[in-house]
Amino acid sequence: MSQLSSVARGLALVGATAALALPAAAQSTKTPKYSNEFLNIGVGARALGMGKVQVSLATDATAGYWNPAGLTNQTHKYDGVLMHSELFSGVVKNDYAAFSMPIDDKSALGVSVLRLGVDNIADTRALVNEYGYVDYSKIEYFSVADYALLLSYARKLGVEGLSVGGSGKIIYRNIGKFAHGYGFGIDAGVQYNHKGWNMALMARDITTTFNSWNINSAEYVKGLNSNVAIKSDSIPKNSTEITLPRFVLGVGRRFELPKQFSALVAVDLEATTDGQRNTLVSSKTVSVDPRLGVEVGYKNLVFLRGGAGNFQKISSVVDQSLQWKGQYSLGAGVAVSGLRIDLALSRLAVEKLGSASQTNSLIVSLGYGFK
């Protein structure tokens, strides 16, 4: 009975904080969808190979991102992870680094850094000079990039396998010389592991995350054709962008198989509160995206993974009929002497010219745990 009550208290810590964010979520019509969406792409090739099913499973440095409560369960004293992935045929670069360590026998901390960016974008506004001639030396290049720093803390509670944690995140977003924004937010989670079962609740942006944008209007109009009239209301203004809470409920189960094989099956239910989305379960208040992940291992040395999620109705260009399409992923990994090498291939179904096509993303991550 005391064990159940302690689990309930851990869930209540996250639930009570989430309740404070519900009034803000009710005002979702005043906030944009997909704000700070770069923080929801996911990190770590293991997680992405399992369809981003991870809130109940993460027990290494990536837990600072997926669920900070898992930092207390890492198997090595120190753990570090590096990841690089390229999206849309290499146009978008996604990089990630994390490190975690214990403070004492009951608590741990972690730090994570993320960058998502498009580099070397050509600014051709001054390509044609005032005499009507093309001057290629006038071309300038800029980057559009999003950065995030996560500082995480986790602590074990009175029941074995029960932990809670939180992450404070600092966000910087930059659009060349045209605009930049700063933001701050908080995530919180709880994780409970018992007899092969893994259960977790993660609340992202529980207090809502604010991004304050500063627009360089002078740079925005610089180099535009002087014969084109520019309306003052067409120039972006300084503004504040709000990211509303999202909640992820995860359950996983590990099975020991014959001949030193093992299987891990997990499900995540991700609920967003920023209005109606194109998901399997969709309403004006909350939309739910279910995801499934599987990992098969041999001697805890070699792993094969698969995942499915992000199901959406996509309209055919030919007959406008709606069909459910999903995002599927495959992955593999090797773990030896604390070193982990993971690969993932994520495939997104896209309706193009009336026929289904696939957009692939390759993810590589390297992890190392020592002492």
Protein backbone atom coordinates (compact mmCIF):
# COMPACT_ATOMS: atom_id res chain seq x y z
CA MET A 1 0.00 0.00 0.00
CA SER A 2 2.80 2.41 0.87
CA GLN A 3 4.44 1.62 -2.47
CA LEU A 4 1.29 2.52 -4.39
CA SER A 5 0.85 5.73 -2.44
CA SER A 6 4.42 6.79 -3.21
CA VAL A 7 3.86 6.13 -6.91
CA ALA A 8 0.70 8.19 -6.74
CA ARG A 9 2.59 11.04 -5.08
CA GLY A 10 5.16 10.99 -7.87
CA LEU A 11 2.46 11.19 -10.50
CA ALA A 12 0.73 13.92 -8.53
CA LEU A 13 3.85 16.09 -8.60
CA VAL A 14 3.69 16.21 -12.37
CA GLY A 15 -0.10 16.29 -12.52
CA ALA A 16 -0.42 19.18 -10.11
CA THR A 17 2.09 21.25 -12.02
CA ALA A 18 0.34 20.39 -15.25
CA ALA A 19 -2.95 21.59 -13.81
CA LEU A 20 -1.45 25.04 -13.37
CA ALA A 21 -0.88 25.17 -17.12
CA LEU A 22 -4.44 24.23 -18.12
CA PRO A 23 -5.81 27.78 -18.00
CA ALA A 24 -3.17 28.81 -20.51
CA ALA A 25 -3.95 25.80 -22.66
CA ALA A 26 -7.58 26.87 -22.77
CA GLN A 27 -6.46 29.98 -24.65
CA SER A 28 -4.90 27.96 -27.46
CA THR A 29 -6.74 29.98 -30.09
CA LYS A 30 -4.47 32.93 -29.22
CA THR A 31 -1.24 31.00 -29.66
CA PRO A 32 0.37 29.44 -32.74
CA LYS A 33 0.53 25.72 -33.41
CA TYR A 34 3.92 24.08 -33.72
CA SER A 35 5.75 26.73 -31.70
CA ASN A 36 9.34 25.63 -30.90
CA GLU A 37 8.67 22.51 -32.91
CA PHE A 38 12.41 21.90 -33.33
CA LEU A 39 12.37 20.64 -29.73
CA ASN A 40 9.95 17.84 -30.70
CA ILE A 41 11.98 16.25 -33.50
CA GLY A 42 13.69 13.96 -31.01
CA VAL A 43 17.27 13.05 -30.09
CA GLY A 44 19.35 9.88 -30.07
CA ALA A 45 19.35 7.25 -32.83
CA ARG A 46 18.02 4.63 -30.41
CA ALA A 47 14.91 6.69 -29.68
CA LEU A 48 14.37 7.76 -33.28
CA GLY A 49 14.77 4.18 -34.46
CA MET A 50 11.93 3.25 -32.10
CA GLY A 51 9.58 5.92 -33.40
CA LYS A 52 10.39 8.41 -30.62
CA VAL A 53 8.94 6.05 -27.98
CA GLN A 54 11.19 6.82 -25.04
CA VAL A 55 9.69 8.65 -22.05
CA SER A 56 9.42 5.42 -20.02
CA LEU A 57 12.70 3.92 -21.33
CA ALA A 58 15.38 6.64 -21.33
CA THR A 59 18.05 5.89 -18.70
CA ASP A 60 21.14 7.55 -20.15
CA ALA A 61 22.15 11.15 -20.91
CA THR A 62 19.29 11.47 -23.42
CA ALA A 63 16.86 11.30 -20.48
CA GLY A 64 17.52 15.01 -19.93
CA TYR A 65 15.55 15.53 -23.13
CA TRP A 66 13.03 12.66 -23.09
CA ASN A 67 12.28 12.43 -19.38
CA PRO A 68 14.71 13.88 -16.81
CA ALA A 69 13.43 11.45 -14.16
CA GLY A 70 15.35 8.70 -15.97
CA LEU A 71 18.72 10.26 -15.15
CA THR A 72 18.76 8.47 -11.79
CA ASN A 73 18.61 5.07 -13.54
CA GLN A 74 21.67 5.25 -15.81
CA THR A 75 23.91 2.20 -15.56
CA HIS A 76 27.23 4.10 -15.66
CA LYS A 77 28.35 6.86 -13.35
CA TYR A 78 29.06 9.26 -16.22
CA ASP A 79 27.33 9.20 -19.58
CA GLY A 80 27.65 11.28 -22.75
CA VAL A 81 25.82 11.24 -26.09
CA LEU A 82 26.50 12.91 -29.45
CA MET A 83 24.09 12.89 -32.40
CA HIS A 84 24.07 14.20 -35.95
CA SER A 85 21.25 13.87 -38.46
CA GLU A 86 20.40 15.45 -41.80
CA LEU A 87 16.83 16.08 -42.91
CA PHE A 88 15.36 16.79 -46.33
CA SER A 89 18.32 15.46 -48.32
CA GLY A 90 20.85 17.20 -46.08
CA VAL A 91 19.37 20.70 -46.27
CA VAL A 92 18.58 20.76 -42.54
CA LYS A 93 21.27 19.80 -40.00
CA ASN A 94 20.22 18.52 -36.59
CA ASP A 95 22.92 18.21 -33.89
CA TYR A 96 22.75 17.23 -30.24
CA ALA A 97 25.11 16.66 -27.30
CA ALA A 98 24.38 15.65 -23.70
CA PHE A 99 26.18 14.69 -20.50
CA SER A 100 24.83 13.35 -17.21
CA MET A 101 26.22 12.26 -13.83
CA PRO A 102 25.01 11.50 -10.29
CA ILE A 103 25.20 14.01 -7.45
CA ASP A 104 24.74 11.36 -4.78
CA ASP A 105 23.05 7.97 -4.48
CA LYS A 106 19.57 9.50 -4.91
CA SER A 107 19.94 12.37 -7.36
CA ALA A 108 21.53 13.19 -10.72
CA LEU A 109 21.90 16.05 -13.11
CA GLY A 110 22.36 16.48 -16.84
CA VAL A 111 23.01 19.09 -19.48
CA SER A 112 21.88 18.96 -23.12
CA VAL A 113 22.52 21.20 -26.13
CA LEU A 114 20.52 21.12 -29.38
CA ARG A 115 20.87 22.90 -32.71
CA LEU A 116 18.62 22.67 -35.77
CA GLY A 117 19.64 24.86 -38.69
CA VAL A 118 19.79 25.63 -42.38
CA ASP A 119 23.09 27.23 -43.36
CA ASN A 120 24.43 29.13 -46.37
CA ILE A 121 21.13 30.64 -47.48
CA ALA A 122 21.76 33.12 -50.29
CA ASP A 123 20.52 36.68 -49.79
CA THR A 124 20.10 37.98 -53.36
CA ARG A 125 18.26 41.21 -52.60
CA ALA A 126 21.22 43.33 -53.75
CA LEU A 127 22.06 41.11 -56.74
CA VAL A 128 20.86 43.75 -59.21
CA ASN A 129 22.43 47.16 -58.64
CA GLU A 130 20.90 50.58 -59.21
CA TYR A 131 21.94 50.50 -62.87
CA GLY A 132 20.16 47.24 -63.54
CA TYR A 133 23.30 45.11 -63.74
CA VAL A 134 23.82 41.78 -61.98
CA ASP A 135 26.65 41.89 -59.44
CA TYR A 136 27.30 38.44 -57.93
CA SER A 137 29.72 39.91 -55.40
CA LYS A 138 26.72 41.47 -53.66
CA ILE A 139 25.29 38.08 -52.67
CA GLU A 140 25.46 37.50 -48.93
CA TYR A 141 24.82 34.30 -47.00
CA PHE A 142 23.07 33.72 -43.70
CA SER A 143 21.81 30.91 -41.48
CA VAL A 144 18.48 30.16 -39.86
CA ALA A 145 19.06 28.17 -36.67
CA ASP A 146 17.35 27.21 -33.44
CA TYR A 147 19.33 26.47 -30.26
CA ALA A 148 18.33 25.06 -26.88
CA LEU A 149 20.19 24.47 -23.62
CA LEU A 150 18.57 22.06 -21.14
CA LEU A 151 19.66 21.82 -17.49
CA SER A 152 18.12 18.78 -15.82
CA TYR A 153 17.80 17.43 -12.29
CA ALA A 154 16.34 14.12 -11.09
CA ARG A 155 15.79 12.49 -7.72
CA LYS A 156 14.72 9.07 -6.48
CA LEU A 157 11.74 8.92 -4.15
CA GLY A 158 11.05 6.47 -1.34
CA VAL A 159 9.94 3.58 -3.53
CA GLU A 160 12.52 1.58 -5.46
CA GLY A 161 12.33 2.41 -9.17
CA LEU A 162 10.39 5.66 -8.70
CA SER A 163 12.01 8.94 -9.74
CA VAL A 164 10.96 12.48 -10.58
CA GLY A 165 12.85 15.11 -12.54
CA GLY A 166 12.69 18.45 -14.25
CA SER A 167 14.49 20.41 -16.96
CA GLY A 168 14.83 24.14 -17.39
CA LYS A 169 15.45 25.13 -20.99
CA ILE A 170 16.88 28.28 -22.50
CA ILE A 171 16.06 28.86 -26.17
CA TYR A 172 17.72 31.05 -28.77
CA ARG A 173 16.33 31.31 -32.31
CA ASN A 174 18.04 33.26 -35.06
CA ILE A 175 17.03 34.26 -38.60
CA GLY A 176 20.23 35.77 -39.93
CA LYS A 177 20.38 39.52 -39.39
CA PHE A 178 16.60 39.79 -39.76
CA ALA A 179 15.35 38.58 -36.37
CA HIS A 180 16.26 36.71 -33.21
CA GLY A 181 14.33 35.44 -30.23
CA TYR A 182 14.95 34.23 -26.68
CA GLY A 183 12.79 31.88 -24.67
CA PHE A 184 12.58 29.96 -21.41
CA GLY A 185 10.51 26.96 -20.32
CA ILE A 186 10.27 24.05 -17.89
CA ASP A 187 9.65 20.31 -18.39
CA ALA A 188 8.86 17.80 -15.64
CA GLY A 189 8.51 14.03 -15.55
CA VAL A 190 8.09 10.95 -13.41
CA GLN A 191 9.36 7.42 -14.17
CA TYR A 192 8.59 4.14 -12.42
CA ASN A 193 10.32 0.83 -13.19
CA HIS A 194 9.12 -2.41 -11.57
CA LYS A 195 9.59 -6.09 -12.52
CA GLY A 196 10.26 -5.41 -16.19
CA TRP A 197 7.56 -2.77 -16.50
CA ASN A 198 8.44 0.84 -17.34
CA MET A 199 5.85 3.58 -16.76
CA ALA A 200 6.22 7.33 -17.12
CA LEU A 201 4.43 10.64 -17.46
CA MET A 202 6.20 13.59 -19.07
CA ALA A 203 4.89 17.17 -19.17
CA ARG A 204 6.66 19.51 -21.59
CA ASP A 205 6.35 23.29 -21.33
CA ILE A 206 4.25 22.87 -18.21
CA THR A 207 4.33 26.57 -17.36
CA THR A 208 4.11 27.46 -21.08
CA THR A 209 7.30 28.52 -22.84
CA PHE A 210 7.70 32.13 -23.92
CA ASN A 211 9.74 33.26 -26.91
CA SER A 212 10.38 37.00 -27.21
CA TRP A 213 11.13 37.98 -30.82
CA ASN A 214 13.12 41.07 -31.85
CA ILE A 215 12.74 42.12 -35.49
CA ASN A 216 15.41 44.12 -37.32
CA SER A 217 13.01 46.08 -39.53
CA ALA A 218 15.80 48.12 -41.11
CA GLU A 219 17.52 44.94 -42.32
CA TYR A 220 14.18 43.53 -43.44
CA VAL A 221 13.60 46.32 -45.98
CA LYS A 222 17.26 46.77 -46.91
CA GLY A 223 18.01 46.06 -50.54
CA LEU A 224 14.38 45.87 -51.64
CA ASN A 225 13.49 47.51 -54.92
CA SER A 226 12.85 51.18 -54.18
CA ASN A 227 10.04 51.19 -56.76
CA VAL A 228 8.04 48.74 -54.67
CA ALA A 229 5.84 50.39 -52.09
CA ILE A 230 6.27 48.85 -48.65
CA LYS A 231 3.29 48.99 -46.35
CA SER A 232 4.18 49.50 -42.71
CA ASP A 233 1.79 46.76 -41.62
CA SER A 234 3.62 44.24 -43.85
CA ILE A 235 6.84 44.56 -41.84
CA PRO A 236 6.99 42.07 -38.92
CA LYS A 237 6.86 43.58 -35.45
CA ASN A 238 8.46 42.56 -32.16
CA SER A 239 6.25 39.95 -30.57
CA THR A 240 5.96 37.16 -27.99
CA GLU A 241 5.29 33.55 -28.98
CA ILE A 242 3.85 31.05 -26.51
CA THR A 243 4.34 27.28 -26.55
CA LEU A 244 1.50 25.48 -24.80
CA PRO A 245 1.94 22.28 -22.74
CA ARG A 246 2.06 18.79 -24.15
CA PHE A 247 1.88 15.56 -22.15
CA VAL A 248 3.33 12.15 -22.92
CA LEU A 249 2.17 8.98 -21.15
CA GLY A 250 4.45 6.01 -21.73
CA VAL A 251 4.36 2.30 -20.87
CA GLY A 252 6.95 -0.34 -21.77
CA ARG A 253 7.63 -3.99 -20.99
CA ARG A 254 10.84 -5.98 -21.27
CA PHE A 255 10.70 -9.71 -22.06
CA GLU A 256 13.53 -12.21 -21.68
CA LEU A 257 13.57 -14.63 -24.62
CA PRO A 258 15.41 -17.95 -25.13
CA LYS A 259 19.07 -18.10 -26.19
CA GLN A 260 19.93 -14.77 -24.53
CA PHE A 261 17.58 -12.74 -26.69
CA SER A 262 15.36 -10.03 -25.24
CA ALA A 263 12.50 -7.86 -26.48
CA LEU A 264 11.35 -4.43 -25.38
CA VAL A 265 7.91 -3.19 -26.44
CA ALA A 266 6.68 0.30 -25.54
CA VAL A 267 3.85 2.71 -26.34
CA ASP A 268 3.70 6.49 -25.95
CA LEU A 269 0.57 8.62 -26.08
CA GLU A 270 1.41 12.26 -26.77
CA ALA A 271 -1.30 14.84 -26.11
CA THR A 272 -0.99 18.43 -27.39
CA THR A 273 -3.08 21.36 -26.15
CA ASP A 274 -2.54 23.97 -28.86
CA GLY A 275 -5.70 23.24 -30.83
CA GLN A 276 -6.89 20.61 -33.27
CA ARG A 277 -4.13 18.73 -35.07
CA ASN A 278 -4.10 16.13 -37.81
CA THR A 279 -3.70 13.10 -35.52
CA LEU A 280 -5.46 9.78 -34.93
CA VAL A 281 -7.35 11.27 -31.97
CA SER A 282 -8.22 14.89 -32.63
CA SER A 283 -10.42 17.51 -30.96
CA LYS A 284 -10.50 21.28 -30.63
CA THR A 285 -9.01 21.04 -27.13
CA VAL A 286 -6.63 18.07 -27.15
CA SER A 287 -5.06 15.98 -29.92
CA VAL A 288 -3.42 12.62 -29.21
CA ASP A 289 -0.69 10.97 -31.29
CA PRO A 290 -0.04 7.30 -30.34
CA ARG A 291 3.37 5.77 -31.10
CA LEU A 292 4.75 2.23 -30.91
CA GLY A 293 8.39 1.16 -30.53
CA VAL A 294 10.10 -2.26 -30.44
CA GLU A 295 13.68 -3.25 -29.64
CA VAL A 296 15.08 -6.78 -29.95
CA GLY A 297 18.48 -7.43 -28.37
CA TYR A 298 21.01 -10.22 -28.22
CA LYS A 299 23.19 -10.52 -25.10
CA ASN A 300 22.60 -6.80 -24.49
CA LEU A 301 25.21 -6.35 -27.22
CA VAL A 302 23.42 -6.05 -30.58
CA PHE A 303 20.01 -4.45 -31.11
CA LEU A 304 17.45 -4.14 -33.89
CA ARG A 305 14.67 -1.56 -33.58
CA GLY A 306 11.49 -0.38 -35.24
CA GLY A 307 8.80 2.20 -34.64
CA ALA A 308 5.64 3.75 -36.02
CA GLY A 309 3.72 6.94 -35.29
CA ASN A 310 2.78 10.39 -36.57
CA PHE A 311 -0.29 9.09 -38.40
CA GLN A 312 -2.01 11.78 -40.45
CA LYS A 313 -4.70 12.07 -43.08
CA ILE A 314 -3.07 13.16 -46.34
CA SER A 315 -5.13 14.39 -49.28
CA SER A 316 -4.49 12.91 -52.71
CA VAL A 317 -3.66 15.47 -55.40
CA VAL A 318 -5.64 13.46 -57.97
CA ASP A 319 -9.02 12.81 -56.34
CA GLN A 320 -8.69 14.72 -53.03
CA SER A 321 -9.43 11.54 -51.10
CA LEU A 322 -8.00 11.31 -47.58
CA GLN A 323 -5.72 8.44 -46.62
CA TRP A 324 -3.95 7.66 -43.37
CA LYS A 325 -0.17 7.83 -43.71
CA GLY A 326 2.35 7.25 -40.95
CA GLN A 327 6.00 7.77 -40.14
CA TYR A 328 7.99 4.57 -39.82
CA SER A 329 11.52 4.02 -38.59
CA LEU A 330 14.17 1.32 -38.38
CA GLY A 331 17.32 1.22 -36.33
CA ALA A 332 20.26 -0.84 -35.15
CA GLY A 333 22.82 -0.52 -32.41
CA VAL A 334 25.89 -2.05 -30.81
CA ALA A 335 26.90 -1.66 -27.16
CA VAL A 336 30.27 -2.85 -25.87
CA SER A 337 32.40 -1.77 -22.89
CA GLY A 338 30.27 1.32 -22.31
CA LEU A 339 30.44 2.44 -25.94
CA ARG A 340 27.15 2.67 -27.85
CA ILE A 341 26.87 3.20 -31.60
CA ASP A 342 23.34 3.62 -32.95
CA LEU A 343 21.89 4.19 -36.40
CA ALA A 344 18.32 5.01 -37.36
CA LEU A 345 16.45 5.49 -40.62
CA SER A 346 13.20 7.40 -40.34
CA ARG A 347 10.80 7.32 -43.27
CA LEU A 348 7.99 9.86 -43.67
CA ALA A 349 5.19 9.13 -46.12
CA VAL A 350 4.37 12.08 -48.40
CA GLU A 351 1.64 12.41 -51.00
CA LYS A 352 3.28 13.80 -54.15
CA LEU A 353 1.57 14.25 -57.51
CA GLY A 354 -1.08 11.75 -56.60
CA SER A 355 1.25 8.95 -55.60
CA ALA A 356 2.84 8.08 -52.28
CA SER A 357 6.52 8.93 -51.93
CA GLN A 358 8.99 8.63 -49.08
CA THR A 359 11.31 11.14 -47.44
CA ASN A 360 14.17 9.49 -45.56
CA SER A 361 16.31 10.81 -42.71
CA LEU A 362 19.49 9.12 -41.50
CA ILE A 363 20.45 9.57 -37.86
CA VAL A 364 23.76 8.60 -36.24
CA SER A 365 24.50 8.83 -32.53
CA LEU A 366 27.41 7.88 -30.32
CA GLY A 367 27.14 7.27 -26.58
CA TYR A 368 29.71 6.41 -23.95
CA GLY A 369 29.24 5.50 -20.32
CA PHE A 370 32.19 5.05 -17.97
CA LYS A 371 32.97 4.32 -14.32
